[in-house]
Every structure is written in structure tokens, then in C-alpha cells.
Amino acid sequence: MRPDGARLLDALYEMQTDDGHVLTVHNQVVIDEAAPEGRYARSTVRVTAPSGPYEWLNRRVFVGTLQSLRPERDAVRIGVYLVC
């Protein structure tokens, strides 16, 4: 929790592709419940991939969104987008 009321989340995930490669996803989120336009939840996402078919992900910029799925589920939906 920051002094201005915004929350910061810092998460690491590992994902395995269908062909067996493991990608590490570092997701850093800012959540501002008091934003004038409504809840703001955006992130910067860094992907670390091993050498091979996915190593291009290491050289790209990604941004993300975070949406609560409550009350139906105790989970969140993360959207990740490549900045072109």
C-alpha cells in the first residue's frame, strides 16, 4: 500500500508452452480504487524466455490489466497486450 492509497502488486508466474518451454512472467500492477474515472488497474509485464522460438519475447514491451472475478470466483483475470 502506498501513502497515496494506491496498491502495488508484484508477482512472478511461470508458464509452460505446449511445446515444453518455460516462460517466466513478471507482472507489476498499480491499483487505484479512487481514480476519478473509476477503478484503475494496469501493469507492466516482462517475459523472460529461454533461447529458442520464444526468445523474441525478451525484447518486447507488454502492458496488462487486472480484473476481479468476485463474487462469482475468488480469482482475477489478467490481460496482457503487446505494445507495437
PDB file of N, CA and C in Angstrom:
ATOM      1  N   MET A   1       0.853  -1.173   0.000  1.00  0.00           N
ATOM      2  CA  MET A   1       0.000   0.000   0.000  1.00  0.00           C
ATOM      3  C   MET A   1       0.897   1.233   0.000  1.00  0.00           C
ATOM      4  N   ARG A   2       0.652   2.133  -0.928  1.00  0.00           N
ATOM      5  CA  ARG A   2       1.415   3.375  -0.967  1.00  0.00           C
ATOM      6  C   ARG A   2       0.738   4.417  -0.090  1.00  0.00           C
ATOM      7  N   PRO A   3       1.480   5.473   0.305  1.00  0.00           N
ATOM      8  CA  PRO A   3       0.887   6.532   1.125  1.00  0.00           C
ATOM      9  C   PRO A   3      -0.305   7.221   0.453  1.00  0.00           C
ATOM     10  N   ASP A   4      -0.349   7.252  -0.881  1.00  0.00           N
ATOM     11  CA  ASP A   4      -1.463   7.900  -1.584  1.00  0.00           C
ATOM     12  C   ASP A   4      -2.684   6.993  -1.749  1.00  0.00           C
ATOM     13  N   GLY A   5      -2.623   5.773  -1.204  1.00  0.00           N
ATOM     14  CA  GLY A   5      -3.758   4.866  -1.253  1.00  0.00           C
ATOM     15  C   GLY A   5      -3.720   3.838  -2.370  1.00  0.00           C
ATOM     16  N   ALA A   6      -2.849   4.013  -3.332  1.00  0.00           N
ATOM     17  CA  ALA A   6      -2.741   3.025  -4.418  1.00  0.00           C
ATOM     18  C   ALA A   6      -2.065   1.767  -3.886  1.00  0.00           C
ATOM     19  N   ARG A   7      -2.483   0.627  -4.434  1.00  0.00           N
ATOM     20  CA  ARG A   7      -1.867  -0.651  -4.066  1.00  0.00           C
ATOM     21  C   ARG A   7      -0.911  -1.078  -5.167  1.00  0.00           C
ATOM     22  N   LEU A   8       0.180  -1.694  -4.764  1.00  0.00           N
ATOM     23  CA  LEU A   8       1.149  -2.244  -5.706  1.00  0.00           C
ATOM     24  C   LEU A   8       1.189  -3.757  -5.540  1.00  0.00           C
ATOM     25  N   LEU A   9       1.142  -4.470  -6.650  1.00  0.00           N
ATOM     26  CA  LEU A   9       1.281  -5.924  -6.640  1.00  0.00           C
ATOM     27  C   LEU A   9       2.496  -6.277  -7.486  1.00  0.00           C
ATOM     28  N   ASP A  10       3.258  -7.241  -7.026  1.00  0.00           N
ATOM     29  CA  ASP A  10       4.443  -7.687  -7.748  1.00  0.00           C
ATOM     30  C   ASP A  10       4.412  -9.209  -7.756  1.00  0.00           C
ATOM     31  N   ALA A  11       4.223  -9.800  -8.922  1.00  0.00           N
ATOM     32  CA  ALA A  11       4.043 -11.250  -8.990  1.00  0.00           C
ATOM     33  C   ALA A  11       4.916 -11.865 -10.075  1.00  0.00           C
ATOM     34  N   LEU A  12       5.400 -13.057  -9.791  1.00  0.00           N
ATOM     35  CA  LEU A  12       6.134 -13.858 -10.768  1.00  0.00           C
ATOM     36  C   LEU A  12       5.328 -15.123 -11.053  1.00  0.00           C
ATOM     37  N   TYR A  13       5.190 -15.435 -12.338  1.00  0.00           N
ATOM     38  CA  TYR A  13       4.483 -16.638 -12.756  1.00  0.00           C
ATOM     39  C   TYR A  13       5.390 -17.411 -13.700  1.00  0.00           C
ATOM     40  N   GLU A  14       5.239 -18.697 -13.722  1.00  0.00           N
ATOM     41  CA  GLU A  14       5.883 -19.497 -14.749  1.00  0.00           C
ATOM     42  C   GLU A  14       4.804 -20.168 -15.572  1.00  0.00           C
ATOM     43  N   MET A  15       5.013 -20.137 -16.887  1.00  0.00           N
ATOM     44  CA  MET A  15       4.061 -20.745 -17.807  1.00  0.00           C
ATOM     45  C   MET A  15       4.816 -21.718 -18.704  1.00  0.00           C
ATOM     46  N   GLN A  16       4.229 -22.875 -18.930  1.00  0.00           N
ATOM     47  CA  GLN A  16       4.834 -23.833 -19.841  1.00  0.00           C
ATOM     48  C   GLN A  16       4.045 -23.831 -21.138  1.00  0.00           C
ATOM     49  N   THR A  17       4.755 -23.663 -22.250  1.00  0.00           N
ATOM     50  CA  THR A  17       4.107 -23.657 -23.560  1.00  0.00           C
ATOM     51  C   THR A  17       3.747 -25.087 -23.956  1.00  0.00           C
ATOM     52  N   ASP A  18       2.907 -25.216 -24.973  1.00  0.00           N
ATOM     53  CA  ASP A  18       2.502 -26.544 -25.437  1.00  0.00           C
ATOM     54  C   ASP A  18       3.693 -27.391 -25.888  1.00  0.00           C
ATOM     55  N   ASP A  19       4.765 -26.715 -26.342  1.00  0.00           N
ATOM     56  CA  ASP A  19       5.936 -27.464 -26.806  1.00  0.00           C
ATOM     57  C   ASP A  19       7.017 -27.603 -25.728  1.00  0.00           C
ATOM     58  N   GLY A  20       6.670 -27.304 -24.456  1.00  0.00           N
ATOM     59  CA  GLY A  20       7.542 -27.616 -23.341  1.00  0.00           C
ATOM     60  C   GLY A  20       8.463 -26.521 -22.832  1.00  0.00           C
ATOM     61  N   HIS A  21       8.497 -25.354 -23.468  1.00  0.00           N
ATOM     62  CA  HIS A  21       9.347 -24.267 -22.986  1.00  0.00           C
ATOM     63  C   HIS A  21       8.693 -23.593 -21.777  1.00  0.00           C
ATOM     64  N   VAL A  22       9.530 -23.139 -20.826  1.00  0.00           N
ATOM     65  CA  VAL A  22       9.027 -22.466 -19.628  1.00  0.00           C
ATOM     66  C   VAL A  22       9.342 -20.974 -19.745  1.00  0.00           C
ATOM     67  N   LEU A  23       8.302 -20.152 -19.626  1.00  0.00           N
ATOM     68  CA  LEU A  23       8.433 -18.699 -19.675  1.00  0.00           C
ATOM     69  C   LEU A  23       8.196 -18.163 -18.269  1.00  0.00           C
ATOM     70  N   THR A  24       8.987 -17.181 -17.862  1.00  0.00           N
ATOM     71  CA  THR A  24       8.772 -16.509 -16.588  1.00  0.00           C
ATOM     72  C   THR A  24       8.125 -15.166 -16.870  1.00  0.00           C
ATOM     73  N   VAL A  25       7.018 -14.880 -16.200  1.00  0.00           N
ATOM     74  CA  VAL A  25       6.270 -13.644 -16.384  1.00  0.00           C
ATOM     75  C   VAL A  25       6.361 -12.830 -15.095  1.00  0.00           C
ATOM     76  N   HIS A  26       6.881 -11.613 -15.197  1.00  0.00           N
ATOM     77  CA  HIS A  26       6.978 -10.703 -14.055  1.00  0.00           C
ATOM     78  C   HIS A  26       5.942  -9.614 -14.263  1.00  0.00           C
ATOM     79  N   ASN A  27       4.940  -9.578 -13.404  1.00  0.00           N
ATOM     80  CA  ASN A  27       3.794  -8.680 -13.537  1.00  0.00           C
ATOM     81  C   ASN A  27       3.799  -7.696 -12.372  1.00  0.00           C
ATOM     82  N   GLN A  28       3.962  -6.400 -12.671  1.00  0.00           N
ATOM     83  CA  GLN A  28       3.963  -5.355 -11.654  1.00  0.00           C
ATOM     84  C   GLN A  28       2.739  -4.471 -11.883  1.00  0.00           C
ATOM     85  N   VAL A  29       1.818  -4.464 -10.913  1.00  0.00           N
ATOM     86  CA  VAL A  29       0.498  -3.852 -11.059  1.00  0.00           C
ATOM     87  C   VAL A  29       0.340  -2.650 -10.130  1.00  0.00           C
ATOM     88  N   VAL A  30      -0.327  -1.598 -10.637  1.00  0.00           N
ATOM     89  CA  VAL A  30      -0.775  -0.463  -9.830  1.00  0.00           C
ATOM     90  C   VAL A  30      -2.292  -0.492  -9.826  1.00  0.00           C
ATOM     91  N   ILE A  31      -2.892  -0.473  -8.623  1.00  0.00           N
ATOM     92  CA  ILE A  31      -4.350  -0.456  -8.486  1.00  0.00           C
ATOM     93  C   ILE A  31      -4.738   0.804  -7.727  1.00  0.00           C
ATOM     94  N   ASP A  32      -5.604   1.610  -8.350  1.00  0.00           N
ATOM     95  CA  ASP A  32      -6.083   2.855  -7.734  1.00  0.00           C
ATOM     96  C   ASP A  32      -7.603   2.807  -7.711  1.00  0.00           C
ATOM     97  N   GLU A  33      -8.153   2.478  -6.546  1.00  0.00           N
ATOM     98  CA  GLU A  33      -9.609   2.382  -6.402  1.00  0.00           C
ATOM     99  C   GLU A  33     -10.272   3.758  -6.413  1.00  0.00           C
ATOM    100  N   ALA A  34      -9.507   4.823  -6.123  1.00  0.00           N
ATOM    101  CA  ALA A  34     -10.073   6.170  -6.008  1.00  0.00           C
ATOM    102  C   ALA A  34      -9.877   7.006  -7.269  1.00  0.00           C
ATOM    103  N   ALA A  35      -9.508   6.397  -8.371  1.00  0.00           N
ATOM    104  CA  ALA A  35      -9.303   7.152  -9.615  1.00  0.00           C
ATOM    105  C   ALA A  35     -10.612   7.809 -10.041  1.00  0.00           C
ATOM    106  N   PRO A  36     -10.568   9.061 -10.510  1.00  0.00           N
ATOM    107  CA  PRO A  36     -11.794   9.776 -10.895  1.00  0.00           C
ATOM    108  C   PRO A  36     -12.629   9.046 -11.948  1.00  0.00           C
ATOM    109  N   GLU A  37     -11.976   8.332 -12.853  1.00  0.00           N
ATOM    110  CA  GLU A  37     -12.698   7.619 -13.915  1.00  0.00           C
ATOM    111  C   GLU A  37     -13.135   6.223 -13.501  1.00  0.00           C
ATOM    112  N   GLY A  38     -12.926   5.869 -12.249  1.00  0.00           N
ATOM    113  CA  GLY A  38     -13.259   4.531 -11.759  1.00  0.00           C
ATOM    114  C   GLY A  38     -11.997   3.733 -11.494  1.00  0.00           C
ATOM    115  N   ARG A  39     -12.175   2.531 -11.039  1.00  0.00           N
ATOM    116  CA  ARG A  39     -11.038   1.676 -10.663  1.00  0.00           C
ATOM    117  C   ARG A  39     -10.023   1.590 -11.792  1.00  0.00           C
ATOM    118  N   TYR A  40      -8.767   1.826 -11.438  1.00  0.00           N
ATOM    119  CA  TYR A  40      -7.661   1.752 -12.385  1.00  0.00           C
ATOM    120  C   TYR A  40      -6.756   0.609 -11.947  1.00  0.00           C
ATOM    121  N   ALA A  41      -6.529  -0.356 -12.808  1.00  0.00           N
ATOM    122  CA  ALA A  41      -5.629  -1.468 -12.516  1.00  0.00           C
ATOM    123  C   ALA A  41      -4.876  -1.803 -13.793  1.00  0.00           C
ATOM    124  N   ARG A  42      -3.622  -1.369 -13.848  1.00  0.00           N
ATOM    125  CA  ARG A  42      -2.792  -1.583 -15.035  1.00  0.00           C
ATOM    126  C   ARG A  42      -1.427  -2.090 -14.599  1.00  0.00           C
ATOM    127  N   SER A  43      -0.755  -2.771 -15.511  1.00  0.00           N
ATOM    128  CA  SER A  43       0.531  -3.345 -15.144  1.00  0.00           C
ATOM    129  C   SER A  43       1.539  -3.254 -16.279  1.00  0.00           C
ATOM    130  N   THR A  44       2.785  -3.389 -15.876  1.00  0.00           N
ATOM    131  CA  THR A  44       3.857  -3.629 -16.835  1.00  0.00           C
ATOM    132  C   THR A  44       4.246  -5.086 -16.662  1.00  0.00           C
ATOM    133  N   VAL A  45       4.485  -5.748 -17.783  1.00  0.00           N
ATOM    134  CA  VAL A  45       4.740  -7.178 -17.770  1.00  0.00           C
ATOM    135  C   VAL A  45       6.044  -7.446 -18.519  1.00  0.00           C
ATOM    136  N   ARG A  46       6.927  -8.183 -17.877  1.00  0.00           N
ATOM    137  CA  ARG A  46       8.176  -8.572 -18.537  1.00  0.00           C
ATOM    138  C   ARG A  46       8.186 -10.091 -18.648  1.00  0.00           C
ATOM    139  N   VAL A  47       8.486 -10.576 -19.838  1.00  0.00           N
ATOM    140  CA  VAL A  47       8.556 -12.012 -20.083  1.00  0.00           C
ATOM    141  C   VAL A  47      10.025 -12.397 -20.266  1.00  0.00           C
ATOM    142  N   THR A  48      10.438 -13.442 -19.569  1.00  0.00           N
ATOM    143  CA  THR A  48      11.782 -13.986 -19.738  1.00  0.00           C
ATOM    144  C   THR A  48      11.637 -15.378 -20.330  1.00  0.00           C
ATOM    145  N   ALA A  49      12.200 -15.538 -21.528  1.00  0.00           N
ATOM    146  CA  ALA A  49      12.095 -16.803 -22.252  1.00  0.00           C
ATOM    147  C   ALA A  49      13.494 -17.361 -22.511  1.00  0.00           C
ATOM    148  N   PRO A  50      13.617 -18.683 -22.567  1.00  0.00           N
ATOM    149  CA  PRO A  50      14.914 -19.274 -22.887  1.00  0.00           C
ATOM    150  C   PRO A  50      15.239 -19.098 -24.373  1.00  0.00           C
ATOM    151  N   SER A  51      16.482 -19.339 -24.730  1.00  0.00           N
ATOM    152  CA  SER A  51      16.862 -19.308 -26.142  1.00  0.00           C
ATOM    153  C   SER A  51      15.982 -20.278 -26.920  1.00  0.00           C
ATOM    154  N   GLY A  52      15.603 -19.876 -28.102  1.00  0.00           N
ATOM    155  CA  GLY A  52      14.757 -20.732 -28.923  1.00  0.00           C
ATOM    156  C   GLY A  52      13.614 -19.950 -29.523  1.00  0.00           C
ATOM    157  N   PRO A  53      12.513 -20.625 -29.789  1.00  0.00           N
ATOM    158  CA  PRO A  53      11.427 -19.997 -30.545  1.00  0.00           C
ATOM    159  C   PRO A  53      10.718 -18.836 -29.839  1.00  0.00           C
ATOM    160  N   TYR A  54      10.878 -18.720 -28.526  1.00  0.00           N
ATOM    161  CA  TYR A  54      10.178 -17.669 -27.793  1.00  0.00           C
ATOM    162  C   TYR A  54      11.095 -16.553 -27.289  1.00  0.00           C
ATOM    163  N   GLU A  55      12.375 -16.590 -27.644  1.00  0.00           N
ATOM    164  CA  GLU A  55      13.304 -15.601 -27.107  1.00  0.00           C
ATOM    165  C   GLU A  55      12.979 -14.183 -27.567  1.00  0.00           C
ATOM    166  N   TRP A  56      12.217 -14.016 -28.631  1.00  0.00           N
ATOM    167  CA  TRP A  56      11.810 -12.681 -29.087  1.00  0.00           C
ATOM    168  C   TRP A  56      10.975 -11.971 -28.019  1.00  0.00           C
ATOM    169  N   LEU A  57      10.304 -12.739 -27.144  1.00  0.00           N
ATOM    170  CA  LEU A  57       9.504 -12.140 -26.068  1.00  0.00           C
ATOM    171  C   LEU A  57      10.365 -11.325 -25.109  1.00  0.00           C
ATOM    172  N   ASN A  58      11.652 -11.678 -24.987  1.00  0.00           N
ATOM    173  CA  ASN A  58      12.575 -10.946 -24.120  1.00  0.00           C
ATOM    174  C   ASN A  58      12.805  -9.518 -24.598  1.00  0.00           C
ATOM    175  N   ARG A  59      12.525  -9.259 -25.860  1.00  0.00           N
ATOM    176  CA  ARG A  59      12.822  -7.958 -26.472  1.00  0.00           C
ATOM    177  C   ARG A  59      11.561  -7.155 -26.779  1.00  0.00           C
ATOM    178  N   ARG A  60      10.474  -7.447 -26.124  1.00  0.00           N
ATOM    179  CA  ARG A  60       9.218  -6.743 -26.361  1.00  0.00           C
ATOM    180  C   ARG A  60       8.695  -6.109 -25.082  1.00  0.00           C
ATOM    181  N   VAL A  61       7.813  -5.113 -25.245  1.00  0.00           N
ATOM    182  CA  VAL A  61       7.172  -4.431 -24.124  1.00  0.00           C
ATOM    183  C   VAL A  61       5.721  -4.886 -24.072  1.00  0.00           C
ATOM    184  N   PHE A  62       5.276  -5.259 -22.871  1.00  0.00           N
ATOM    185  CA  PHE A  62       3.905  -5.709 -22.650  1.00  0.00           C
ATOM    186  C   PHE A  62       3.271  -4.877 -21.544  1.00  0.00           C
ATOM    187  N   VAL A  63       1.986  -4.636 -21.671  1.00  0.00           N
ATOM    188  CA  VAL A  63       1.206  -3.994 -20.619  1.00  0.00           C
ATOM    189  C   VAL A  63       0.038  -4.919 -20.284  1.00  0.00           C
ATOM    190  N   GLY A  64      -0.541  -4.701 -19.104  1.00  0.00           N
ATOM    191  CA  GLY A  64      -1.603  -5.610 -18.707  1.00  0.00           C
ATOM    192  C   GLY A  64      -2.721  -4.937 -17.949  1.00  0.00           C
ATOM    193  N   THR A  65      -3.796  -5.696 -17.782  1.00  0.00           N
ATOM    194  CA  THR A  65      -4.951  -5.280 -16.989  1.00  0.00           C
ATOM    195  C   THR A  65      -5.214  -6.351 -15.936  1.00  0.00           C
ATOM    196  N   LEU A  66      -5.923  -5.956 -14.899  1.00  0.00           N
ATOM    197  CA  LEU A  66      -6.274  -6.872 -13.815  1.00  0.00           C
ATOM    198  C   LEU A  66      -7.734  -6.634 -13.469  1.00  0.00           C
ATOM    199  N   GLN A  67      -8.549  -7.676 -13.568  1.00  0.00           N
ATOM    200  CA  GLN A  67      -9.986  -7.562 -13.302  1.00  0.00           C
ATOM    201  C   GLN A  67     -10.396  -8.620 -12.281  1.00  0.00           C
ATOM    202  N   SER A  68     -11.029  -8.188 -11.203  1.00  0.00           N
ATOM    203  CA  SER A  68     -11.519  -9.122 -10.192  1.00  0.00           C
ATOM    204  C   SER A  68     -12.694  -9.915 -10.753  1.00  0.00           C
ATOM    205  N   LEU A  69     -12.759 -11.193 -10.414  1.00  0.00           N
ATOM    206  CA  LEU A  69     -13.881 -12.044 -10.826  1.00  0.00           C
ATOM    207  C   LEU A  69     -14.841 -12.311  -9.665  1.00  0.00           C
ATOM    208  N   ARG A  70     -14.659 -11.580  -8.565  1.00  0.00           N
ATOM    209  CA  ARG A  70     -15.557 -11.702  -7.416  1.00  0.00           C
ATOM    210  C   ARG A  70     -16.885 -11.051  -7.726  1.00  0.00           C
ATOM    211  N   PRO A  71     -17.974 -11.486  -7.198  1.00  0.00           N
ATOM    212  CA  PRO A  71     -18.119 -12.515  -6.173  1.00  0.00           C
ATOM    213  C   PRO A  71     -18.256 -13.928  -6.739  1.00  0.00           C
ATOM    214  N   GLU A  72     -18.349 -14.075  -8.058  1.00  0.00           N
ATOM    215  CA  GLU A  72     -18.540 -15.410  -8.633  1.00  0.00           C
ATOM    216  C   GLU A  72     -17.375 -16.348  -8.338  1.00  0.00           C
ATOM    217  N   ARG A  73     -16.146 -15.797  -8.395  1.00  0.00           N
ATOM    218  CA  ARG A  73     -14.955 -16.615  -8.159  1.00  0.00           C
ATOM    219  C   ARG A  73     -13.947 -15.808  -7.359  1.00  0.00           C
ATOM    220  N   ASP A  74     -13.180 -16.480  -6.543  1.00  0.00           N
ATOM    221  CA  ASP A  74     -12.104 -15.835  -5.791  1.00  0.00           C
ATOM    222  C   ASP A  74     -10.851 -15.884  -6.655  1.00  0.00           C
ATOM    223  N   ALA A  75     -10.865 -15.072  -7.712  1.00  0.00           N
ATOM    224  CA  ALA A  75      -9.782 -15.094  -8.699  1.00  0.00           C
ATOM    225  C   ALA A  75      -9.746 -13.760  -9.439  1.00  0.00           C
ATOM    226  N   VAL A  76      -8.728 -13.589 -10.253  1.00  0.00           N
ATOM    227  CA  VAL A  76      -8.617 -12.404 -11.102  1.00  0.00           C
ATOM    228  C   VAL A  76      -8.375 -12.840 -12.535  1.00  0.00           C
ATOM    229  N   ARG A  77      -8.723 -11.973 -13.457  1.00  0.00           N
ATOM    230  CA  ARG A  77      -8.428 -12.182 -14.879  1.00  0.00           C
ATOM    231  C   ARG A  77      -7.337 -11.198 -15.254  1.00  0.00           C
ATOM    232  N   ILE A  78      -6.254 -11.704 -15.795  1.00  0.00           N
ATOM    233  CA  ILE A  78      -5.133 -10.880 -16.216  1.00  0.00           C
ATOM    234  C   ILE A  78      -5.112 -10.852 -17.730  1.00  0.00           C
ATOM    235  N   GLY A  79      -5.121  -9.655 -18.296  1.00  0.00           N
ATOM    236  CA  GLY A  79      -4.982  -9.489 -19.735  1.00  0.00           C
ATOM    237  C   GLY A  79      -3.613  -8.907 -20.019  1.00  0.00           C
ATOM    238  N   VAL A  80      -2.905  -9.459 -20.999  1.00  0.00           N
ATOM    239  CA  VAL A  80      -1.562  -8.971 -21.348  1.00  0.00           C
ATOM    240  C   VAL A  80      -1.557  -8.651 -22.836  1.00  0.00           C
ATOM    241  N   TYR A  81      -1.007  -7.468 -23.162  1.00  0.00           N
ATOM    242  CA  TYR A  81      -1.035  -6.960 -24.525  1.00  0.00           C
ATOM    243  C   TYR A  81       0.358  -6.522 -24.965  1.00  0.00           C
ATOM    244  N   LEU A  82       0.730  -6.891 -26.170  1.00  0.00           N
ATOM    245  CA  LEU A  82       1.990  -6.483 -26.764  1.00  0.00           C
ATOM    246  C   LEU A  82       1.861  -5.047 -27.246  1.00  0.00           C
ATOM    247  N   VAL A  83       2.813  -4.193 -26.861  1.00  0.00           N
ATOM    248  CA  VAL A  83       2.843  -2.815 -27.327  1.00  0.00           C
ATOM    249  C   VAL A  83       3.590  -2.807 -28.651  1.00  0.00           C
ATOM    250  N   CYS A  84       2.905  -2.387 -29.704  1.00  0.00           N
ATOM    251  CA  CYS A  84       3.514  -2.369 -31.044  1.00  0.00           C
ATOM    252  C   CYS A  84       4.046  -0.988 -31.387  1.00  0.00           C
TER     253      CYS A  84
END
